[in-house]
């Protein structure tokens, strides 16, 4: 496939440079996944007839000068953090935008809002969207209801394991412990027992396009077990969770009203935040079929096996067409 062979292609020409930029740092499983997606995106751009140098940004962004040397038409932004800190992802997007070169995905200003789970939840709550109650101290919650201790900025289930789920009466102590053992800020969110879904939204020439809801299943988990996608389930191929949390794409007719509601909420969230590029909205659905928004993930992973990508591919859009579409969106569909 070449860029010229896709309908509605903006002013892209054979050989145009699209710089693929990421911020992977260290050798953790999630950082290595960032390098994999950078390679896969670059390979796709090359198949589309473009030149696609890969540039890794260090903590101090000293490699920014290397980008302009390639004279790219677009910067494909895959930065999920700087120096191993997800809370700095928006810094990279802001600096990249200052080059004057169009960049893919969600802007740095919007990333700063949605990447912080707390500021995202505040905005969702203010707009009337359902999101579980939360606390930053734990001193305002008690009792035996379950809560999940999560990092405020970091994604990919970082710092999450079985010990992350505690009773309300234990939240304050759990948060205090995290402040000692982790470099990341944490908060606690009320655990919603039930089903877990996500919906993906991608920019199109006339606005966001929402794709079908996907459910994360918890297969052979203990009947009374807490069901979360923790770090091991997401990344560790030797863990129980990794092999027992498959995705579900096909549903019985009785789920149709719920699935449509999730899609509607996801698209409403896209419009409320005035998002761009591509996002994934994560939900929990309780026993009363009430959806609760957990997170809004800006620029979700673009590896071939990532949930966002698999969802889009199942709609009939192939991988190269998806990558080109994100470049088109960065160019403003001109």
Protein backbone atom coordinates (compact mmCIF):
# COMPACT_ATOMS: atom_id res chain seq x y z
CA UNK A 1 0.00 0.00 0.00
CA UNK A 2 1.22 3.51 -0.68
CA UNK A 3 -0.01 6.81 0.63
CA UNK A 4 -1.35 7.70 -2.80
CA UNK A 5 -3.56 4.60 -2.87
CA UNK A 6 -5.73 5.58 0.08
CA UNK A 7 -8.86 7.64 -0.42
CA UNK A 8 -8.99 11.19 0.98
CA UNK A 9 -5.24 11.28 1.48
CA UNK A 10 -4.07 14.79 2.40
CA UNK A 11 -0.91 16.28 0.94
CA UNK A 12 1.38 13.31 1.49
CA UNK A 13 3.89 12.31 -1.14
CA UNK A 14 6.08 9.30 -1.69
CA UNK A 15 9.24 9.66 0.36
CA UNK A 16 7.83 12.22 2.81
CA UNK A 17 9.43 11.92 6.24
CA UNK A 18 7.31 11.00 9.25
CA UNK A 19 9.52 10.95 12.34
CA UNK A 20 8.49 8.27 14.84
CA UNK A 21 9.28 9.59 18.31
CA UNK A 22 9.08 7.66 21.59
CA UNK A 23 10.36 8.06 25.14
CA UNK A 24 11.10 4.47 26.20
CA UNK A 25 13.61 4.47 29.05
CA UNK A 26 15.05 1.44 30.80
CA UNK A 27 14.30 -2.22 30.17
CA UNK A 28 10.95 -2.84 31.90
CA UNK A 29 8.32 -4.85 30.02
CA UNK A 30 6.11 -1.83 29.36
CA UNK A 31 9.02 0.28 28.09
CA UNK A 32 10.11 -2.52 25.77
CA UNK A 33 6.55 -2.63 24.43
CA UNK A 34 6.92 1.06 23.51
CA UNK A 35 9.98 0.22 21.42
CA UNK A 36 8.06 -2.58 19.71
CA UNK A 37 5.20 -0.30 18.75
CA UNK A 38 7.65 2.32 17.44
CA UNK A 39 9.17 -0.31 15.14
CA UNK A 40 5.76 -1.51 13.96
CA UNK A 41 4.53 2.02 13.26
CA UNK A 42 7.73 2.84 11.35
CA UNK A 43 7.42 -0.35 9.29
CA UNK A 44 3.85 0.58 8.42
CA UNK A 45 4.85 4.09 7.34
CA UNK A 46 7.56 2.62 5.13
CA UNK A 47 5.01 0.31 3.50
CA UNK A 48 2.93 3.43 2.88
CA UNK A 49 5.80 4.90 0.90
CA UNK A 50 7.20 7.24 3.55
CA UNK A 51 10.53 7.54 5.28
CA UNK A 52 10.25 6.85 8.99
CA UNK A 53 13.28 7.46 11.22
CA UNK A 54 12.81 6.39 14.86
CA UNK A 55 13.98 8.87 17.49
CA UNK A 56 14.09 8.05 21.22
CA UNK A 57 13.77 11.04 23.55
CA UNK A 58 15.78 11.05 26.76
CA UNK A 59 14.64 12.60 30.06
CA UNK A 60 15.97 16.03 29.12
CA UNK A 61 14.59 15.99 25.56
CA UNK A 62 18.08 16.64 24.20
CA UNK A 63 17.24 14.63 21.08
CA UNK A 64 14.67 17.20 19.92
CA UNK A 65 17.26 18.82 17.67
CA UNK A 66 17.70 15.53 15.82
CA UNK A 67 14.08 15.65 14.68
CA UNK A 68 14.42 18.84 12.64
CA UNK A 69 17.49 17.43 10.90
CA UNK A 70 15.18 14.91 9.19
CA UNK A 71 12.83 17.70 8.03
CA UNK A 72 9.72 15.63 8.78
CA UNK A 73 6.30 16.48 7.45
CA UNK A 74 4.70 14.93 10.55
CA UNK A 75 5.92 13.75 13.97
CA UNK A 76 4.32 10.47 14.99
CA UNK A 77 4.22 10.88 18.75
CA UNK A 78 4.50 7.63 20.73
CA UNK A 79 5.92 9.22 23.89
CA UNK A 80 4.25 7.60 26.92
CA UNK A 81 6.68 9.05 29.44
CA UNK A 82 10.10 10.63 29.86
CA UNK A 83 12.81 9.05 31.96
CA UNK A 84 10.38 6.32 32.97
CA UNK A 85 7.78 8.79 34.27
CA UNK A 86 4.37 8.75 32.63
CA UNK A 87 3.51 12.03 34.32
CA UNK A 88 5.90 13.73 31.89
CA UNK A 89 4.34 12.46 28.66
CA UNK A 90 2.49 15.72 28.07
CA UNK A 91 5.76 17.67 28.36
CA UNK A 92 7.07 15.89 25.27
CA UNK A 93 3.89 16.58 23.29
CA UNK A 94 4.05 20.29 24.19
CA UNK A 95 7.70 20.58 23.18
CA UNK A 96 7.12 18.62 19.97
CA UNK A 97 4.26 20.96 19.04
CA UNK A 98 6.57 23.94 19.55
CA UNK A 99 8.61 22.75 16.56
CA UNK A 100 5.71 23.81 14.34
CA UNK A 101 5.58 20.35 12.81
CA UNK A 102 2.17 18.59 13.00
CA UNK A 103 2.12 15.80 15.57
CA UNK A 104 -0.18 12.79 15.83
CA UNK A 105 -2.50 12.04 18.69
CA UNK A 106 -3.80 14.01 21.63
CA UNK A 107 -2.19 17.42 22.26
CA UNK A 108 0.03 18.03 25.25
CA UNK A 109 -2.49 20.31 26.95
CA UNK A 110 -5.23 17.71 26.76
CA UNK A 111 -2.83 14.94 27.77
CA UNK A 112 -2.03 16.85 30.93
CA UNK A 113 -5.73 16.76 31.82
CA UNK A 114 -6.66 13.18 30.90
CA UNK A 115 -3.37 11.46 31.80
CA UNK A 116 -3.82 12.51 35.41
CA UNK A 117 -6.54 10.18 36.60
CA UNK A 118 -7.57 12.72 39.24
CA UNK A 119 -7.91 15.73 36.94
CA UNK A 120 -9.66 13.50 34.41
CA UNK A 121 -12.12 12.30 37.04
CA UNK A 122 -12.75 15.86 38.21
CA UNK A 123 -13.57 16.91 34.65
CA UNK A 124 -15.77 13.85 34.10
CA UNK A 125 -17.61 14.46 37.37
CA UNK A 126 -18.15 18.13 36.57
CA UNK A 127 -19.67 17.16 33.21
CA UNK A 128 -22.00 14.62 34.80
CA UNK A 129 -20.24 11.44 33.68
CA UNK A 130 -20.25 8.48 36.10
CA UNK A 131 -16.85 7.77 37.62
CA UNK A 132 -16.18 5.87 40.86
CA UNK A 133 -15.56 7.88 44.05
CA UNK A 134 -11.92 8.46 44.94
CA UNK A 135 -9.65 9.78 47.65
CA UNK A 136 -6.10 11.13 47.74
CA UNK A 137 -5.57 10.62 51.49
CA UNK A 138 -7.84 7.78 52.62
CA UNK A 139 -8.77 9.72 55.74
CA UNK A 140 -12.24 10.35 54.31
CA UNK A 141 -13.15 6.67 53.75
CA UNK A 142 -13.69 3.73 56.08
CA UNK A 143 -15.52 0.42 56.38
CA UNK A 144 -15.17 -2.88 54.55
CA UNK A 145 -15.94 -1.73 51.01
CA UNK A 146 -13.05 -2.43 48.65
CA UNK A 147 -10.87 0.30 47.13
CA UNK A 148 -8.04 0.14 44.57
CA UNK A 149 -4.79 2.04 45.12
CA UNK A 150 -3.61 3.38 41.75
CA UNK A 151 -0.87 5.66 40.44
CA UNK A 152 -2.21 9.09 39.51
CA UNK A 153 -0.23 9.54 36.30
CA UNK A 154 1.26 6.19 35.34
CA UNK A 155 -0.61 3.86 33.01
CA UNK A 156 -0.12 0.25 31.90
CA UNK A 157 -1.22 -0.93 35.38
CA UNK A 158 2.12 0.18 36.82
CA UNK A 159 2.44 -0.42 40.60
CA UNK A 160 -0.75 -2.51 40.60
CA UNK A 161 -0.95 -6.01 42.09
CA UNK A 162 -3.14 -7.94 44.52
CA UNK A 163 -2.03 -5.71 47.40
CA UNK A 164 -3.50 -2.72 45.57
CA UNK A 165 -7.03 -3.74 46.62
CA UNK A 166 -7.77 -2.90 50.24
CA UNK A 167 -10.71 -2.23 52.54
CA UNK A 168 -11.84 1.35 53.06
CA UNK A 169 -10.47 1.28 56.60
CA UNK A 170 -7.02 0.38 55.20
CA UNK A 171 -6.80 2.99 52.43
CA UNK A 172 -4.99 5.68 54.42
CA UNK A 173 -2.27 3.23 55.51
CA UNK A 174 -1.95 1.81 51.98
CA UNK A 175 -1.50 5.29 50.48
CA UNK A 176 1.04 6.20 53.17
CA UNK A 177 3.03 3.06 52.35
CA UNK A 178 3.02 3.84 48.63
CA UNK A 179 4.44 7.29 49.34
CA UNK A 180 7.43 5.55 50.95
CA UNK A 181 8.08 2.71 48.48
CA UNK A 182 7.10 4.25 45.12
CA UNK A 183 8.34 7.33 43.23
CA UNK A 184 4.84 7.81 41.82
CA UNK A 185 1.87 9.70 43.23
CA UNK A 186 -1.08 7.48 44.17
CA UNK A 187 -4.75 7.78 44.98
CA UNK A 188 -7.51 5.27 45.77
CA UNK A 189 -10.69 4.60 43.82
CA UNK A 190 -13.70 2.63 44.98
CA UNK A 191 -13.58 -0.87 43.51
CA UNK A 192 -16.49 -1.60 41.17
CA UNK A 193 -17.29 -5.31 41.17
CA UNK A 194 -18.58 -6.38 37.78
CA UNK A 195 -17.59 -6.47 34.13
CA UNK A 196 -14.75 -4.52 32.49
CA UNK A 197 -15.01 -2.94 29.03
CA UNK A 198 -13.29 -0.40 26.84
CA UNK A 199 -14.32 1.62 23.80
CA UNK A 200 -11.95 3.15 21.26
CA UNK A 201 -12.46 6.42 19.41
CA UNK A 202 -10.44 7.60 16.39
CA UNK A 203 -10.50 10.97 14.65
CA UNK A 204 -12.09 11.12 11.21
CA UNK A 205 -12.68 13.90 8.67
CA UNK A 206 -16.03 14.77 10.29
CA UNK A 207 -15.28 13.98 13.94
CA UNK A 208 -14.60 11.05 16.21
CA UNK A 209 -15.54 7.52 15.16
CA UNK A 210 -16.35 5.13 17.99
CA UNK A 211 -15.67 1.42 17.60
CA UNK A 212 -17.36 -1.58 19.18
CA UNK A 213 -17.00 -2.19 22.89
CA UNK A 214 -14.56 -4.89 24.03
CA UNK A 215 -14.89 -6.84 27.27
CA UNK A 216 -11.99 -8.10 29.37
CA UNK A 217 -12.87 -11.52 30.77
CA UNK A 218 -11.59 -13.02 34.02
CA UNK A 219 -11.47 -16.75 33.30
CA UNK A 220 -11.16 -19.31 36.12
CA UNK A 221 -10.62 -16.62 38.74
CA UNK A 222 -11.68 -17.69 42.27
CA UNK A 223 -15.36 -16.99 42.87
CA UNK A 224 -14.53 -14.53 45.64
CA UNK A 225 -11.37 -13.22 44.00
CA UNK A 226 -10.83 -9.58 43.16
CA UNK A 227 -10.78 -9.14 39.41
CA UNK A 228 -8.44 -6.45 38.11
CA UNK A 229 -5.99 -6.17 35.22
CA UNK A 230 -2.83 -5.66 37.25
CA UNK A 231 0.72 -5.21 35.96
CA UNK A 232 1.44 -8.95 35.80
CA UNK A 233 -1.81 -9.68 33.92
CA UNK A 234 -0.93 -7.03 31.37
CA UNK A 235 2.77 -7.74 30.89
CA UNK A 236 4.09 -10.93 32.55
CA UNK A 237 3.64 -13.98 30.31
CA UNK A 238 4.46 -16.24 33.27
CA UNK A 239 1.57 -14.94 35.39
CA UNK A 240 -1.88 -16.45 35.90
CA UNK A 241 -3.62 -13.21 34.94
CA UNK A 242 -1.78 -12.87 31.63
CA UNK A 243 -3.33 -16.12 30.37
CA UNK A 244 -6.76 -15.76 31.99
CA UNK A 245 -7.86 -12.27 30.90
CA UNK A 246 -8.77 -12.65 27.21
CA UNK A 247 -10.71 -10.04 25.25
CA UNK A 248 -14.28 -10.65 24.17
CA UNK A 249 -15.60 -9.16 20.94
CA UNK A 250 -18.81 -11.12 20.33
CA UNK A 251 -21.84 -10.67 22.58
CA UNK A 252 -25.38 -12.05 22.94
CA UNK A 253 -28.30 -9.85 21.83
CA UNK A 254 -29.18 -9.07 25.44
CA UNK A 255 -25.95 -7.04 25.77
CA UNK A 256 -26.73 -4.76 22.81
CA UNK A 257 -28.32 -1.93 24.86
CA UNK A 258 -25.33 -1.87 27.21
CA UNK A 259 -22.79 -1.94 24.37
CA UNK A 260 -24.51 0.95 22.60
CA UNK A 261 -24.60 2.91 25.84
CA UNK A 262 -20.87 2.43 26.32
CA UNK A 263 -20.21 3.63 22.77
CA UNK A 264 -22.42 6.67 23.31
CA UNK A 265 -20.64 7.58 26.54
CA UNK A 266 -17.20 7.14 24.93
CA UNK A 267 -18.13 9.43 22.05
CA UNK A 268 -19.65 11.96 24.45
CA UNK A 269 -16.39 11.94 26.43
CA UNK A 270 -14.44 12.53 23.20
CA UNK A 271 -16.62 15.51 22.39
CA UNK A 272 -16.65 16.91 25.93
CA UNK A 273 -12.85 17.00 26.12
CA UNK A 274 -12.60 18.08 22.43
CA UNK A 275 -10.17 15.19 21.96
CA UNK A 276 -8.18 14.47 18.83
CA UNK A 277 -6.16 11.65 17.34
CA UNK A 278 -7.15 8.47 19.16
CA UNK A 279 -8.21 7.45 22.66
CA UNK A 280 -9.57 4.50 24.61
CA UNK A 281 -12.17 4.88 27.35
CA UNK A 282 -12.11 2.20 30.08
CA UNK A 283 -15.24 1.19 31.99
CA UNK A 284 -16.48 -1.00 34.79
CA UNK A 285 -20.13 -2.07 34.70
CA UNK A 286 -21.70 -2.97 38.04
CA UNK A 287 -24.39 -5.53 38.89
CA UNK A 288 -27.13 -2.99 38.07
CA UNK A 289 -25.65 -2.53 34.56
CA UNK A 290 -24.44 0.96 35.47
CA UNK A 291 -21.25 1.94 33.59
CA UNK A 292 -18.50 3.74 35.49
CA UNK A 293 -15.63 5.44 33.65
CA UNK A 294 -12.25 4.42 35.05
CA UNK A 295 -9.85 6.20 32.69
CA UNK A 296 -9.51 8.04 29.41
CA UNK A 297 -6.34 6.77 27.73
CA UNK A 298 -4.75 9.24 25.34
CA UNK A 299 -2.68 7.74 22.52
CA UNK A 300 -3.16 4.07 23.50
CA UNK A 301 -0.61 1.48 22.38
CA UNK A 302 -0.34 0.86 18.63
CA UNK A 303 1.36 -2.55 18.71
CA UNK A 304 -0.45 -5.07 16.51
CA UNK A 305 -1.65 -7.06 19.53
CA UNK A 306 -2.76 -4.06 21.60
CA UNK A 307 -6.44 -3.93 22.49
CA UNK A 308 -7.00 -0.62 20.74
CA UNK A 309 -5.48 -1.86 17.49
CA UNK A 310 -7.25 -5.22 17.57
CA UNK A 311 -10.57 -3.41 18.04
CA UNK A 312 -10.01 -1.19 15.01
CA UNK A 313 -8.74 -4.04 12.84
CA UNK A 314 -11.87 -6.07 13.59
CA UNK A 315 -13.94 -3.24 12.12
CA UNK A 316 -12.34 -3.84 8.72
CA UNK A 317 -9.69 -1.10 8.83
CA UNK A 318 -6.25 -2.61 8.26
CA UNK A 319 -3.17 -1.60 10.22
CA UNK A 320 -1.57 0.56 7.54
CA UNK A 321 -4.86 2.37 6.93
CA UNK A 322 -5.10 3.10 10.67
CA UNK A 323 -1.57 4.50 10.81
CA UNK A 324 -2.19 6.63 7.73
CA UNK A 325 -5.45 7.87 9.21
CA UNK A 326 -3.61 9.12 12.31
CA UNK A 327 -1.13 10.96 10.09
CA UNK A 328 -4.01 12.45 8.10
CA UNK A 329 -5.63 13.66 11.31
CA UNK A 330 -2.38 15.35 12.35
CA UNK A 331 -2.32 17.16 9.01
CA UNK A 332 -5.87 18.38 9.52
CA UNK A 333 -7.35 16.42 6.61
CA UNK A 334 -6.19 19.09 4.16
